Amino acid sequence: MLKKLYLVIIILLMAGGCVNDENEVNNDEFLQEHVIVYFFSDDGCPFCNQQKPYLEEFEEKYEAVRIKEIKAWESRETIDMFQAVADAYGVEVGGVPMTFIGEEVWKGFNKNMVGQMESVIEACISDGCQDKAYDIVFKE
């Protein structure tokens, strides 16, 4: 568990997370500069596999975007995380894919959702947005 915590901290630092004088990740500054796309997926999910390339394109197109893919059914920890994030957004856990960006949620995937997701990303980059999942996914 401690190794996972160190790994998360290292990833955040490499991804451009801000560090204060005590060398702790400053979540507020990181979130002001980045938009995290939380992508709950599962191996073998055809709709997840269709959506993933679009998310990767967002990450390439927008310097501020970070994709956090979570295998929803991988472990008790990820199942609980999925439920907690869904609760924070006031939605029911359904199947995958389920994507959370800013204050928006998408269940399932079709190509019409790509434009919606990109619009939310652009709004979050320009105006900022609330990230209800960060403290759940990156809990210390």
Protein backbone atom coordinates (compact mmCIF):
# COMPACT_ATOMS: atom_id res chain seq x y z
CA MET A 1 0.00 0.00 0.00
CA LEU A 2 2.85 2.34 0.83
CA LYS A 3 4.40 1.63 -2.58
CA LYS A 4 1.13 2.67 -4.26
CA LEU A 5 1.10 5.94 -2.29
CA TYR A 6 4.67 6.71 -3.33
CA LEU A 7 3.82 5.86 -6.93
CA VAL A 8 0.83 8.23 -6.93
CA ILE A 9 2.96 11.05 -5.49
CA ILE A 10 5.72 10.44 -8.05
CA ILE A 11 3.20 10.40 -10.91
CA LEU A 12 1.66 13.64 -9.72
CA LEU A 13 5.04 15.29 -9.47
CA MET A 14 6.02 14.10 -12.93
CA ALA A 15 2.67 15.27 -14.30
CA GLY A 16 3.40 18.80 -13.17
CA GLY A 17 1.91 18.83 -9.69
CA CYS A 18 2.94 21.81 -7.61
CA VAL A 19 5.12 21.25 -4.56
CA ASN A 20 5.25 23.43 -1.47
CA ASP A 21 8.23 24.08 0.80
CA GLU A 22 7.68 20.84 2.70
CA ASN A 23 7.79 18.87 -0.61
CA GLU A 24 4.11 17.93 -0.39
CA VAL A 25 1.89 17.93 -3.44
CA ASN A 26 -0.33 21.01 -3.44
CA ASN A 27 -3.64 19.70 -4.79
CA ASP A 28 -5.31 23.11 -5.15
CA GLU A 29 -2.58 24.48 -7.41
CA PHE A 30 -2.44 21.26 -9.40
CA LEU A 31 -6.20 21.35 -10.00
CA GLN A 32 -6.09 25.02 -11.01
CA GLU A 33 -3.69 24.11 -13.79
CA HIS A 34 -5.08 20.72 -14.86
CA VAL A 35 -8.29 18.98 -15.85
CA ILE A 36 -8.43 15.35 -14.82
CA VAL A 37 -10.62 12.98 -16.81
CA TYR A 38 -11.62 10.04 -14.60
CA PHE A 39 -12.28 7.08 -16.87
CA PHE A 40 -13.71 3.99 -15.18
CA SER A 41 -13.26 1.07 -17.55
CA ASP A 42 -12.70 -2.65 -17.66
CA ASP A 43 -10.60 -4.98 -19.78
CA GLY A 44 -12.62 -6.50 -22.56
CA CYS A 45 -15.21 -3.70 -22.56
CA PRO A 46 -15.79 -2.83 -26.23
CA PHE A 47 -17.20 0.64 -25.51
CA CYS A 48 -14.23 1.40 -23.23
CA ASN A 49 -11.90 0.39 -26.06
CA GLN A 50 -13.79 2.69 -28.45
CA GLN A 51 -13.64 5.66 -26.05
CA LYS A 52 -10.01 5.38 -24.97
CA PRO A 53 -8.42 6.74 -28.20
CA TYR A 54 -10.58 9.88 -27.96
CA LEU A 55 -9.43 10.47 -24.39
CA GLU A 56 -5.81 10.00 -25.46
CA GLU A 57 -6.39 12.61 -28.19
CA PHE A 58 -7.67 15.06 -25.56
CA GLU A 59 -4.53 14.49 -23.52
CA GLU A 60 -2.34 15.13 -26.58
CA LYS A 61 -4.34 18.18 -27.73
CA TYR A 62 -4.65 19.93 -24.37
CA GLU A 63 -1.55 20.28 -22.21
CA ALA A 64 -3.70 20.69 -19.09
CA VAL A 65 -5.58 17.39 -19.51
CA ARG A 66 -4.62 14.29 -17.56
CA ILE A 67 -6.42 10.97 -18.01
CA LYS A 68 -6.84 8.81 -14.94
CA GLU A 69 -8.05 5.40 -16.05
CA ILE A 70 -9.34 3.18 -13.27
CA LYS A 71 -10.20 -0.47 -13.88
CA ALA A 72 -13.55 -0.42 -12.13
CA TRP A 73 -13.79 -4.08 -11.17
CA GLU A 74 -10.10 -4.80 -10.62
CA SER A 75 -10.13 -4.91 -6.82
CA ARG A 76 -12.21 -4.12 -3.77
CA GLU A 77 -10.38 -0.78 -3.62
CA THR A 78 -11.35 0.22 -7.18
CA ILE A 79 -14.94 -0.95 -6.69
CA ASP A 80 -15.20 1.19 -3.56
CA MET A 81 -13.54 4.11 -5.36
CA PHE A 82 -16.01 3.82 -8.25
CA GLN A 83 -18.92 3.85 -5.81
CA ALA A 84 -17.52 6.82 -3.86
CA VAL A 85 -16.95 8.90 -7.00
CA ALA A 86 -20.45 8.07 -8.28
CA ASP A 87 -21.87 9.07 -4.88
CA ALA A 88 -19.97 12.38 -4.98
CA TYR A 89 -21.57 13.12 -8.35
CA GLY A 90 -25.02 11.94 -7.23
CA VAL A 91 -25.27 9.16 -9.81
CA GLU A 92 -25.75 5.41 -9.63
CA VAL A 93 -22.88 3.12 -10.49
CA GLY A 94 -23.73 1.44 -13.73
CA GLY A 95 -21.61 -0.40 -16.17
CA VAL A 96 -18.49 0.90 -17.79
CA PRO A 97 -17.28 3.07 -19.32
CA MET A 98 -18.22 5.84 -16.96
CA THR A 99 -16.41 9.14 -17.34
CA PHE A 100 -16.23 12.10 -14.96
CA ILE A 101 -14.93 15.52 -16.06
CA GLY A 102 -15.43 18.60 -13.90
CA GLU A 103 -19.01 18.36 -12.71
CA GLU A 104 -20.22 16.23 -15.62
CA VAL A 105 -20.72 12.46 -15.96
CA TRP A 106 -21.12 10.22 -18.97
CA LYS A 107 -22.39 6.64 -18.73
CA GLY A 108 -21.53 4.39 -21.63
CA PHE A 109 -20.03 5.74 -24.82
CA ASN A 110 -21.01 6.84 -28.28
CA LYS A 111 -19.27 9.22 -30.67
CA ASN A 112 -21.78 12.00 -29.92
CA MET A 113 -20.31 12.21 -26.41
CA VAL A 114 -16.85 13.17 -27.72
CA GLY A 115 -17.90 16.74 -28.55
CA GLN A 116 -19.69 17.10 -25.21
CA MET A 117 -16.63 15.93 -23.32
CA GLU A 118 -14.34 18.23 -25.26
CA SER A 119 -16.63 21.21 -24.59
CA VAL A 120 -16.50 20.50 -20.86
CA ILE A 121 -12.71 20.14 -20.99
CA GLU A 122 -12.36 23.47 -22.79
CA ALA A 123 -14.69 25.18 -20.29
CA CYS A 124 -12.71 23.72 -17.38
CA ILE A 125 -9.44 24.90 -18.91
CA SER A 126 -10.69 28.44 -19.51
CA ASP A 127 -12.98 28.95 -16.49
CA GLY A 128 -11.96 26.24 -14.04
CA CYS A 129 -14.31 23.60 -12.71
CA GLN A 130 -14.99 21.69 -9.56
CA ASP A 131 -13.29 18.30 -9.35
CA LYS A 132 -15.41 16.14 -7.07
CA ALA A 133 -13.31 13.00 -7.59
CA TYR A 134 -9.76 14.15 -6.87
CA ASP A 135 -9.77 13.65 -3.10
CA ILE A 136 -11.41 10.24 -3.52
CA VAL A 137 -9.13 8.91 -6.24
CA PHE A 138 -5.91 10.40 -4.88
CA LYS A 139 -6.67 10.02 -1.17
CA GLU A 140 -3.63 9.96 1.05
